[in-house]
Amino acid sequence: MTETGKILLSVQEFSEITGLGEKSIRRLSHVQGFPAIRIGHRIMIHKQSAEDWLADCAAHQDACLPVIDI
């Protein structure tokens, strides 16, 4: 992921650095343990925690990522 000085990222910003679609990220925000917070109607993602969470899921492939229907 590219470096940014921000701690919290919007769905759009997180989408740009991860290559995941915005709809997929919005769905991930509902997965228990995913480091997203809601500020009003906005979803903000803690950058470092999200990177760690995704890396852990990829390393263990323990079904922590939901199946996302398109």
PDB file of N, CA and C in Angstrom:
ATOM      1  N   MET A   1       0.832  -1.172   0.000  1.00  0.00           N
ATOM      2  CA  MET A   1       0.000   0.000   0.000  1.00  0.00           C
ATOM      3  C   MET A   1       0.882   1.243   0.000  1.00  0.00           C
ATOM      4  N   THR A   2       0.390   2.250  -0.620  1.00  0.00           N
ATOM      5  CA  THR A   2       1.161   3.475  -0.666  1.00  0.00           C
ATOM      6  C   THR A   2       1.088   4.200   0.669  1.00  0.00           C
ATOM      7  N   GLU A   3       2.077   5.026   0.920  1.00  0.00           N
ATOM      8  CA  GLU A   3       2.139   5.748   2.179  1.00  0.00           C
ATOM      9  C   GLU A   3       1.312   7.023   2.111  1.00  0.00           C
ATOM     10  N   THR A   4       0.613   7.284   3.163  1.00  0.00           N
ATOM     11  CA  THR A   4      -0.120   8.531   3.327  1.00  0.00           C
ATOM     12  C   THR A   4       0.021   8.937   4.776  1.00  0.00           C
ATOM     13  N   GLY A   5       0.020  10.230   5.048  1.00  0.00           N
ATOM     14  CA  GLY A   5       0.193  10.711   6.407  1.00  0.00           C
ATOM     15  C   GLY A   5      -1.057  10.577   7.253  1.00  0.00           C
ATOM     16  N   LYS A   6      -2.166  10.185   6.665  1.00  0.00           N
ATOM     17  CA  LYS A   6      -3.426  10.091   7.387  1.00  0.00           C
ATOM     18  C   LYS A   6      -3.496   8.817   8.223  1.00  0.00           C
ATOM     19  N   ILE A   7      -4.175   8.924   9.349  1.00  0.00           N
ATOM     20  CA  ILE A   7      -4.415   7.761  10.199  1.00  0.00           C
ATOM     21  C   ILE A   7      -5.726   7.096   9.786  1.00  0.00           C
ATOM     22  N   LEU A   8      -6.747   7.918   9.560  1.00  0.00           N
ATOM     23  CA  LEU A   8      -8.050   7.417   9.129  1.00  0.00           C
ATOM     24  C   LEU A   8      -8.248   7.727   7.658  1.00  0.00           C
ATOM     25  N   LEU A   9      -8.788   6.761   6.935  1.00  0.00           N
ATOM     26  CA  LEU A   9      -9.034   6.929   5.507  1.00  0.00           C
ATOM     27  C   LEU A   9     -10.515   6.764   5.218  1.00  0.00           C
ATOM     28  N   SER A  10     -10.991   7.515   4.235  1.00  0.00           N
ATOM     29  CA  SER A  10     -12.363   7.328   3.773  1.00  0.00           C
ATOM     30  C   SER A  10     -12.435   6.025   2.976  1.00  0.00           C
ATOM     31  N   VAL A  11     -13.640   5.597   2.691  1.00  0.00           N
ATOM     32  CA  VAL A  11     -13.822   4.395   1.868  1.00  0.00           C
ATOM     33  C   VAL A  11     -13.148   4.589   0.510  1.00  0.00           C
ATOM     34  N   GLN A  12     -13.314   5.760  -0.077  1.00  0.00           N
ATOM     35  CA  GLN A  12     -12.719   6.026  -1.389  1.00  0.00           C
ATOM     36  C   GLN A  12     -11.194   5.972  -1.329  1.00  0.00           C
ATOM     37  N   GLU A  13     -10.596   6.589  -0.308  1.00  0.00           N
ATOM     38  CA  GLU A  13      -9.133   6.581  -0.180  1.00  0.00           C
ATOM     39  C   GLU A  13      -8.611   5.158   0.048  1.00  0.00           C
ATOM     40  N   PHE A  14      -9.297   4.394   0.891  1.00  0.00           N
ATOM     41  CA  PHE A  14      -8.875   3.018   1.151  1.00  0.00           C
ATOM     42  C   PHE A  14      -9.008   2.176  -0.110  1.00  0.00           C
ATOM     43  N   SER A  15     -10.037   2.442  -0.884  1.00  0.00           N
ATOM     44  CA  SER A  15     -10.235   1.752  -2.157  1.00  0.00           C
ATOM     45  C   SER A  15      -9.076   2.021  -3.111  1.00  0.00           C
ATOM     46  N   GLU A  16      -8.652   3.271  -3.184  1.00  0.00           N
ATOM     47  CA  GLU A  16      -7.567   3.646  -4.087  1.00  0.00           C
ATOM     48  C   GLU A  16      -6.247   2.977  -3.722  1.00  0.00           C
ATOM     49  N   ILE A  17      -5.961   2.825  -2.427  1.00  0.00           N
ATOM     50  CA  ILE A  17      -4.667   2.251  -2.060  1.00  0.00           C
ATOM     51  C   ILE A  17      -4.673   0.727  -2.009  1.00  0.00           C
ATOM     52  N   THR A  18      -5.862   0.120  -1.878  1.00  0.00           N
ATOM     53  CA  THR A  18      -5.913  -1.337  -1.811  1.00  0.00           C
ATOM     54  C   THR A  18      -6.302  -1.998  -3.124  1.00  0.00           C
ATOM     55  N   GLY A  19      -7.006  -1.250  -3.963  1.00  0.00           N
ATOM     56  CA  GLY A  19      -7.511  -1.844  -5.194  1.00  0.00           C
ATOM     57  C   GLY A  19      -8.843  -2.553  -5.006  1.00  0.00           C
ATOM     58  N   LEU A  20      -9.374  -2.537  -3.795  1.00  0.00           N
ATOM     59  CA  LEU A  20     -10.696  -3.109  -3.544  1.00  0.00           C
ATOM     60  C   LEU A  20     -11.758  -2.101  -3.948  1.00  0.00           C
ATOM     61  N   GLY A  21     -12.894  -2.593  -4.349  1.00  0.00           N
ATOM     62  CA  GLY A  21     -13.983  -1.695  -4.714  1.00  0.00           C
ATOM     63  C   GLY A  21     -14.608  -1.057  -3.480  1.00  0.00           C
ATOM     64  N   GLU A  22     -15.181   0.112  -3.666  1.00  0.00           N
ATOM     65  CA  GLU A  22     -15.801   0.822  -2.553  1.00  0.00           C
ATOM     66  C   GLU A  22     -16.947   0.019  -1.947  1.00  0.00           C
ATOM     67  N   LYS A  23     -17.726  -0.641  -2.762  1.00  0.00           N
ATOM     68  CA  LYS A  23     -18.837  -1.458  -2.262  1.00  0.00           C
ATOM     69  C   LYS A  23     -18.313  -2.596  -1.387  1.00  0.00           C
ATOM     70  N   SER A  24     -17.220  -3.218  -1.799  1.00  0.00           N
ATOM     71  CA  SER A  24     -16.622  -4.297  -1.002  1.00  0.00           C
ATOM     72  C   SER A  24     -16.116  -3.774   0.339  1.00  0.00           C
ATOM     73  N   ILE A  25     -15.537  -2.587   0.331  1.00  0.00           N
ATOM     74  CA  ILE A  25     -15.027  -2.007   1.571  1.00  0.00           C
ATOM     75  C   ILE A  25     -16.181  -1.661   2.502  1.00  0.00           C
ATOM     76  N   ARG A  26     -17.262  -1.142   1.959  1.00  0.00           N
ATOM     77  CA  ARG A  26     -18.434  -0.846   2.792  1.00  0.00           C
ATOM     78  C   ARG A  26     -18.964  -2.124   3.439  1.00  0.00           C
ATOM     79  N   ARG A  27     -18.938  -3.207   2.694  1.00  0.00           N
ATOM     80  CA  ARG A  27     -19.379  -4.491   3.267  1.00  0.00           C
ATOM     81  C   ARG A  27     -18.387  -4.983   4.318  1.00  0.00           C
ATOM     82  N   LEU A  28     -17.101  -4.820   4.061  1.00  0.00           N
ATOM     83  CA  LEU A  28     -16.091  -5.212   5.053  1.00  0.00           C
ATOM     84  C   LEU A  28     -16.266  -4.445   6.361  1.00  0.00           C
ATOM     85  N   SER A  29     -16.748  -3.218   6.272  1.00  0.00           N
ATOM     86  CA  SER A  29     -16.905  -2.405   7.476  1.00  0.00           C
ATOM     87  C   SER A  29     -17.903  -3.006   8.451  1.00  0.00           C
ATOM     88  N   HIS A  30     -18.711  -3.951   7.993  1.00  0.00           N
ATOM     89  CA  HIS A  30     -19.684  -4.621   8.853  1.00  0.00           C
ATOM     90  C   HIS A  30     -19.142  -5.928   9.438  1.00  0.00           C
ATOM     91  N   VAL A  31     -17.958  -6.338   9.007  1.00  0.00           N
ATOM     92  CA  VAL A  31     -17.358  -7.584   9.500  1.00  0.00           C
ATOM     93  C   VAL A  31     -16.739  -7.323  10.870  1.00  0.00           C
ATOM     94  N   GLN A  32     -17.084  -8.196  11.826  1.00  0.00           N
ATOM     95  CA  GLN A  32     -16.554  -8.031  13.171  1.00  0.00           C
ATOM     96  C   GLN A  32     -15.026  -8.084  13.150  1.00  0.00           C
ATOM     97  N   GLY A  33     -14.423  -7.101  13.783  1.00  0.00           N
ATOM     98  CA  GLY A  33     -12.974  -7.044  13.864  1.00  0.00           C
ATOM     99  C   GLY A  33     -12.330  -6.128  12.837  1.00  0.00           C
ATOM    100  N   PHE A  34     -13.058  -5.797  11.771  1.00  0.00           N
ATOM    101  CA  PHE A  34     -12.492  -4.893  10.775  1.00  0.00           C
ATOM    102  C   PHE A  34     -12.450  -3.489  11.376  1.00  0.00           C
ATOM    103  N   PRO A  35     -11.311  -2.809  11.283  1.00  0.00           N
ATOM    104  CA  PRO A  35     -11.119  -1.537  11.981  1.00  0.00           C
ATOM    105  C   PRO A  35     -11.739  -0.324  11.275  1.00  0.00           C
ATOM    106  N   ALA A  36     -13.052  -0.289  11.278  1.00  0.00           N
ATOM    107  CA  ALA A  36     -13.768   0.835  10.690  1.00  0.00           C
ATOM    108  C   ALA A  36     -14.641   1.473  11.759  1.00  0.00           C
ATOM    109  N   ILE A  37     -14.760   2.785  11.690  1.00  0.00           N
ATOM    110  CA  ILE A  37     -15.646   3.494  12.602  1.00  0.00           C
ATOM    111  C   ILE A  37     -16.592   4.348  11.774  1.00  0.00           C
ATOM    112  N   ARG A  38     -17.716   4.657  12.355  1.00  0.00           N
ATOM    113  CA  ARG A  38     -18.687   5.518  11.700  1.00  0.00           C
ATOM    114  C   ARG A  38     -18.671   6.872  12.384  1.00  0.00           C
ATOM    115  N   ILE A  39     -18.580   7.898  11.568  1.00  0.00           N
ATOM    116  CA  ILE A  39     -18.667   9.268  12.046  1.00  0.00           C
ATOM    117  C   ILE A  39     -19.824   9.871  11.271  1.00  0.00           C
ATOM    118  N   GLY A  40     -20.971   9.944  11.918  1.00  0.00           N
ATOM    119  CA  GLY A  40     -22.193  10.314  11.207  1.00  0.00           C
ATOM    120  C   GLY A  40     -22.514   9.222  10.211  1.00  0.00           C
ATOM    121  N   HIS A  41     -22.635   9.600   8.962  1.00  0.00           N
ATOM    122  CA  HIS A  41     -22.899   8.611   7.908  1.00  0.00           C
ATOM    123  C   HIS A  41     -21.630   8.140   7.216  1.00  0.00           C
ATOM    124  N   ARG A  42     -20.501   8.740   7.583  1.00  0.00           N
ATOM    125  CA  ARG A  42     -19.229   8.389   6.939  1.00  0.00           C
ATOM    126  C   ARG A  42     -18.600   7.170   7.600  1.00  0.00           C
ATOM    127  N   ILE A  43     -17.973   6.349   6.797  1.00  0.00           N
ATOM    128  CA  ILE A  43     -17.195   5.215   7.290  1.00  0.00           C
ATOM    129  C   ILE A  43     -15.733   5.610   7.168  1.00  0.00           C
ATOM    130  N   MET A  44     -15.015   5.536   8.274  1.00  0.00           N
ATOM    131  CA  MET A  44     -13.587   5.843   8.281  1.00  0.00           C
ATOM    132  C   MET A  44     -12.839   4.582   8.701  1.00  0.00           C
ATOM    133  N   ILE A  45     -11.727   4.332   8.059  1.00  0.00           N
ATOM    134  CA  ILE A  45     -10.960   3.106   8.273  1.00  0.00           C
ATOM    135  C   ILE A  45      -9.604   3.466   8.836  1.00  0.00           C
ATOM    136  N   HIS A  46      -9.231   2.802   9.948  1.00  0.00           N
ATOM    137  CA  HIS A  46      -7.917   3.021  10.547  1.00  0.00           C
ATOM    138  C   HIS A  46      -6.896   2.314   9.664  1.00  0.00           C
ATOM    139  N   LYS A  47      -6.056   3.093   9.003  1.00  0.00           N
ATOM    140  CA  LYS A  47      -5.161   2.585   7.958  1.00  0.00           C
ATOM    141  C   LYS A  47      -4.278   1.438   8.429  1.00  0.00           C
ATOM    142  N   GLN A  48      -3.490   1.646   9.483  1.00  0.00           N
ATOM    143  CA  GLN A  48      -2.531   0.622   9.916  1.00  0.00           C
ATOM    144  C   GLN A  48      -3.240  -0.638  10.406  1.00  0.00           C
ATOM    145  N   SER A  49      -4.314  -0.455  11.172  1.00  0.00           N
ATOM    146  CA  SER A  49      -5.052  -1.612  11.683  1.00  0.00           C
ATOM    147  C   SER A  49      -5.687  -2.406  10.550  1.00  0.00           C
ATOM    148  N   ALA A  50      -6.185  -1.704   9.529  1.00  0.00           N
ATOM    149  CA  ALA A  50      -6.794  -2.394   8.392  1.00  0.00           C
ATOM    150  C   ALA A  50      -5.739  -3.173   7.600  1.00  0.00           C
ATOM    151  N   GLU A  51      -4.568  -2.579   7.429  1.00  0.00           N
ATOM    152  CA  GLU A  51      -3.475  -3.291   6.749  1.00  0.00           C
ATOM    153  C   GLU A  51      -3.117  -4.560   7.518  1.00  0.00           C
ATOM    154  N   ASP A  52      -3.004  -4.436   8.833  1.00  0.00           N
ATOM    155  CA  ASP A  52      -2.667  -5.589   9.673  1.00  0.00           C
ATOM    156  C   ASP A  52      -3.768  -6.646   9.621  1.00  0.00           C
ATOM    157  N   TRP A  53      -5.020  -6.215   9.680  1.00  0.00           N
ATOM    158  CA  TRP A  53      -6.159  -7.123   9.659  1.00  0.00           C
ATOM    159  C   TRP A  53      -6.196  -7.907   8.351  1.00  0.00           C
ATOM    160  N   LEU A  54      -6.027  -7.216   7.228  1.00  0.00           N
ATOM    161  CA  LEU A  54      -6.040  -7.885   5.927  1.00  0.00           C
ATOM    162  C   LEU A  54      -4.860  -8.845   5.779  1.00  0.00           C
ATOM    163  N   ALA A  55      -3.672  -8.433   6.251  1.00  0.00           N
ATOM    164  CA  ALA A  55      -2.498  -9.301   6.179  1.00  0.00           C
ATOM    165  C   ALA A  55      -2.699 -10.557   7.020  1.00  0.00           C
ATOM    166  N   ASP A  56      -3.287 -10.401   8.190  1.00  0.00           N
ATOM    167  CA  ASP A  56      -3.541 -11.548   9.062  1.00  0.00           C
ATOM    168  C   ASP A  56      -4.532 -12.511   8.412  1.00  0.00           C
ATOM    169  N   CYS A  57      -5.567 -11.968   7.819  1.00  0.00           N
ATOM    170  CA  CYS A  57      -6.547 -12.816   7.127  1.00  0.00           C
ATOM    171  C   CYS A  57      -5.907 -13.566   5.966  1.00  0.00           C
ATOM    172  N   ALA A  58      -5.084 -12.874   5.211  1.00  0.00           N
ATOM    173  CA  ALA A  58      -4.430 -13.505   4.069  1.00  0.00           C
ATOM    174  C   ALA A  58      -3.461 -14.591   4.516  1.00  0.00           C
ATOM    175  N   ALA A  59      -2.751 -14.337   5.613  1.00  0.00           N
ATOM    176  CA  ALA A  59      -1.761 -15.302   6.098  1.00  0.00           C
ATOM    177  C   ALA A  59      -2.415 -16.564   6.642  1.00  0.00           C
ATOM    178  N   HIS A  60      -3.535 -16.413   7.293  1.00  0.00           N
ATOM    179  CA  HIS A  60      -4.173 -17.567   7.935  1.00  0.00           C
ATOM    180  C   HIS A  60      -5.280 -18.174   7.096  1.00  0.00           C
ATOM    181  N   GLN A  61      -5.784 -17.413   6.153  1.00  0.00           N
ATOM    182  CA  GLN A  61      -6.887 -17.868   5.310  1.00  0.00           C
ATOM    183  C   GLN A  61      -7.921 -18.599   6.151  1.00  0.00           C
ATOM    184  N   ASP A  62      -8.308 -17.936   7.244  1.00  0.00           N
ATOM    185  CA  ASP A  62      -9.202 -18.561   8.209  1.00  0.00           C
ATOM    186  C   ASP A  62     -10.660 -18.116   8.075  1.00  0.00           C
ATOM    187  N   ALA A  63     -11.018 -17.725   6.882  1.00  0.00           N
ATOM    188  CA  ALA A  63     -12.395 -17.339   6.592  1.00  0.00           C
ATOM    189  C   ALA A  63     -12.833 -16.090   7.336  1.00  0.00           C
ATOM    190  N   CYS A  64     -11.906 -15.209   7.684  1.00  0.00           N
ATOM    191  CA  CYS A  64     -12.299 -13.963   8.328  1.00  0.00           C
ATOM    192  C   CYS A  64     -12.841 -12.982   7.311  1.00  0.00           C
ATOM    193  N   LEU A  65     -12.547 -13.207   6.042  1.00  0.00           N
ATOM    194  CA  LEU A  65     -13.116 -12.358   5.001  1.00  0.00           C
ATOM    195  C   LEU A  65     -14.438 -12.969   4.548  1.00  0.00           C
ATOM    196  N   PRO A  66     -15.457 -12.152   4.462  1.00  0.00           N
ATOM    197  CA  PRO A  66     -16.759 -12.684   4.044  1.00  0.00           C
ATOM    198  C   PRO A  66     -16.799 -12.924   2.541  1.00  0.00           C
ATOM    199  N   VAL A  67     -17.722 -13.749   2.126  1.00  0.00           N
ATOM    200  CA  VAL A  67     -17.982 -13.928   0.705  1.00  0.00           C
ATOM    201  C   VAL A  67     -18.811 -12.728   0.281  1.00  0.00           C
ATOM    202  N   ILE A  68     -18.337 -12.020  -0.708  1.00  0.00           N
ATOM    203  CA  ILE A  68     -19.024 -10.810  -1.148  1.00  0.00           C
ATOM    204  C   ILE A  68     -19.662 -11.077  -2.500  1.00  0.00           C
ATOM    205  N   ASP A  69     -20.999 -11.103  -2.507  1.00  0.00           N
ATOM    206  CA  ASP A  69     -21.717 -11.314  -3.757  1.00  0.00           C
ATOM    207  C   ASP A  69     -21.687 -10.053  -4.586  1.00  0.00           C
ATOM    208  N   ILE A  70     -21.498 -10.240  -5.863  1.00  0.00           N
ATOM    209  CA  ILE A  70     -21.439  -9.072  -6.761  1.00  0.00           C
ATOM    210  C   ILE A  70     -22.760  -8.924  -7.467  1.00  0.00           C
TER     211      ILE A  70
END
